[in-house]
Amino acid sequence: MKIPREELEISFSRSSGPGGQNVNKVATRVEVRFHLESAAWIAPATRVRLAALHPRRLNREGEFIMVSSRFRSQGRNIEDCIEKLEGLLE
């Protein structure tokens, strides 16, 4: 499934853990969120399944949140979030 990036809200923050000065200076942690109920690009049955299987990824506003700080660059962490999300949508 192709995820429309314009439907996603992407924000950045500093990662925690080891990494030296890079961790302290660069906002590489990526948080991707979207409102699950209004995501018309996801089939209704898939939205129900996501909410049931991943309740901790939903906040009080009904936003589904995916986070990555696996890599030392924003770009790779964005791609990691998108890939994880695509995996959940299959």
Protein backbone atom coordinates (compact mmCIF):
# COMPACT_ATOMS: atom_id res chain seq x y z
CA MET A 1 0.00 0.00 0.00
CA LYS A 2 1.27 3.46 -0.90
CA ILE A 3 0.99 5.83 2.03
CA PRO A 4 0.23 9.44 1.04
CA ARG A 5 2.88 11.46 2.87
CA GLU A 6 0.77 14.61 2.73
CA GLU A 7 -1.67 12.84 5.10
CA LEU A 8 1.05 12.31 7.71
CA GLU A 9 2.21 14.76 10.35
CA ILE A 10 5.96 14.34 10.84
CA SER A 11 7.84 15.83 13.78
CA PHE A 12 11.42 15.59 15.01
CA SER A 13 13.13 15.57 18.38
CA ARG A 14 16.44 14.54 19.87
CA SER A 15 17.06 10.83 20.30
CA SER A 16 18.08 9.32 23.60
CA GLY A 17 20.78 6.77 24.25
CA PRO A 18 24.33 6.42 22.96
CA GLY A 19 25.56 8.35 19.96
CA GLY A 20 27.92 10.98 21.26
CA GLN A 21 27.57 14.59 20.23
CA ASN A 22 25.23 13.74 17.36
CA VAL A 23 22.50 12.72 19.82
CA ASN A 24 22.88 15.95 21.79
CA LYS A 25 22.83 18.32 18.79
CA VAL A 26 20.69 16.85 16.02
CA ALA A 27 16.94 16.11 16.12
CA THR A 28 16.99 12.68 14.47
CA ARG A 29 14.12 10.98 16.33
CA VAL A 30 11.07 10.92 14.05
CA GLU A 31 7.43 10.75 15.05
CA VAL A 32 4.86 10.11 12.32
CA ARG A 33 1.20 10.53 13.21
CA PHE A 34 -2.17 10.61 11.49
CA HIS A 35 -5.78 10.58 12.64
CA LEU A 36 -6.84 6.95 12.24
CA GLU A 37 -10.60 7.41 11.86
CA SER A 38 -10.30 10.06 9.14
CA ALA A 39 -7.60 8.21 7.15
CA ALA A 40 -9.66 7.52 4.02
CA TRP A 41 -6.60 5.91 2.38
CA ILE A 42 -6.90 2.98 4.83
CA ALA A 43 -9.73 0.46 4.44
CA PRO A 44 -12.28 0.58 7.28
CA ALA A 45 -11.57 -3.03 8.31
CA THR A 46 -7.84 -2.26 8.47
CA ARG A 47 -8.48 0.81 10.65
CA VAL A 48 -10.47 -1.34 13.09
CA ARG A 49 -7.72 -3.99 13.10
CA LEU A 50 -4.99 -1.39 13.74
CA ALA A 51 -6.91 0.09 16.66
CA ALA A 52 -7.55 -3.34 18.16
CA LEU A 53 -4.03 -4.75 17.72
CA HIS A 54 -2.05 -1.59 18.56
CA PRO A 55 -3.99 0.39 21.19
CA ARG A 56 -0.79 1.84 22.69
CA ARG A 57 0.00 3.56 19.41
CA LEU A 58 -3.25 5.55 19.64
CA ASN A 59 -3.44 8.74 21.68
CA ARG A 60 -6.56 10.30 23.21
CA GLU A 61 -7.20 12.35 20.07
CA GLY A 62 -7.35 9.16 17.98
CA GLU A 63 -4.00 9.73 16.30
CA PHE A 64 -1.95 6.67 15.38
CA ILE A 65 1.71 7.31 16.24
CA MET A 66 4.81 5.59 14.86
CA VAL A 67 8.26 6.50 16.22
CA SER A 68 11.79 5.73 15.05
CA SER A 69 15.18 6.70 16.44
CA ARG A 70 16.97 3.66 15.06
CA PHE A 71 19.26 5.58 12.72
CA ARG A 72 21.43 8.67 13.08
CA SER A 73 19.68 10.60 10.31
CA GLN A 74 16.18 12.05 10.02
CA GLY A 75 15.75 10.75 6.49
CA ARG A 76 16.47 7.14 7.39
CA ASN A 77 14.22 7.36 10.45
CA ILE A 78 11.36 8.76 8.34
CA GLU A 79 11.75 5.86 5.93
CA ASP A 80 11.90 3.43 8.88
CA CYS A 81 8.59 4.79 10.24
CA ILE A 82 6.95 4.57 6.82
CA GLU A 83 8.21 0.99 6.31
CA LYS A 84 6.94 -0.05 9.76
CA LEU A 85 3.56 1.51 9.00
CA GLU A 86 3.38 -0.20 5.60
CA GLY A 87 4.13 -3.50 7.33
CA LEU A 88 1.22 -2.99 9.73
CA LEU A 89 -1.14 -2.12 6.88
CA GLU A 90 -0.46 -5.29 4.88
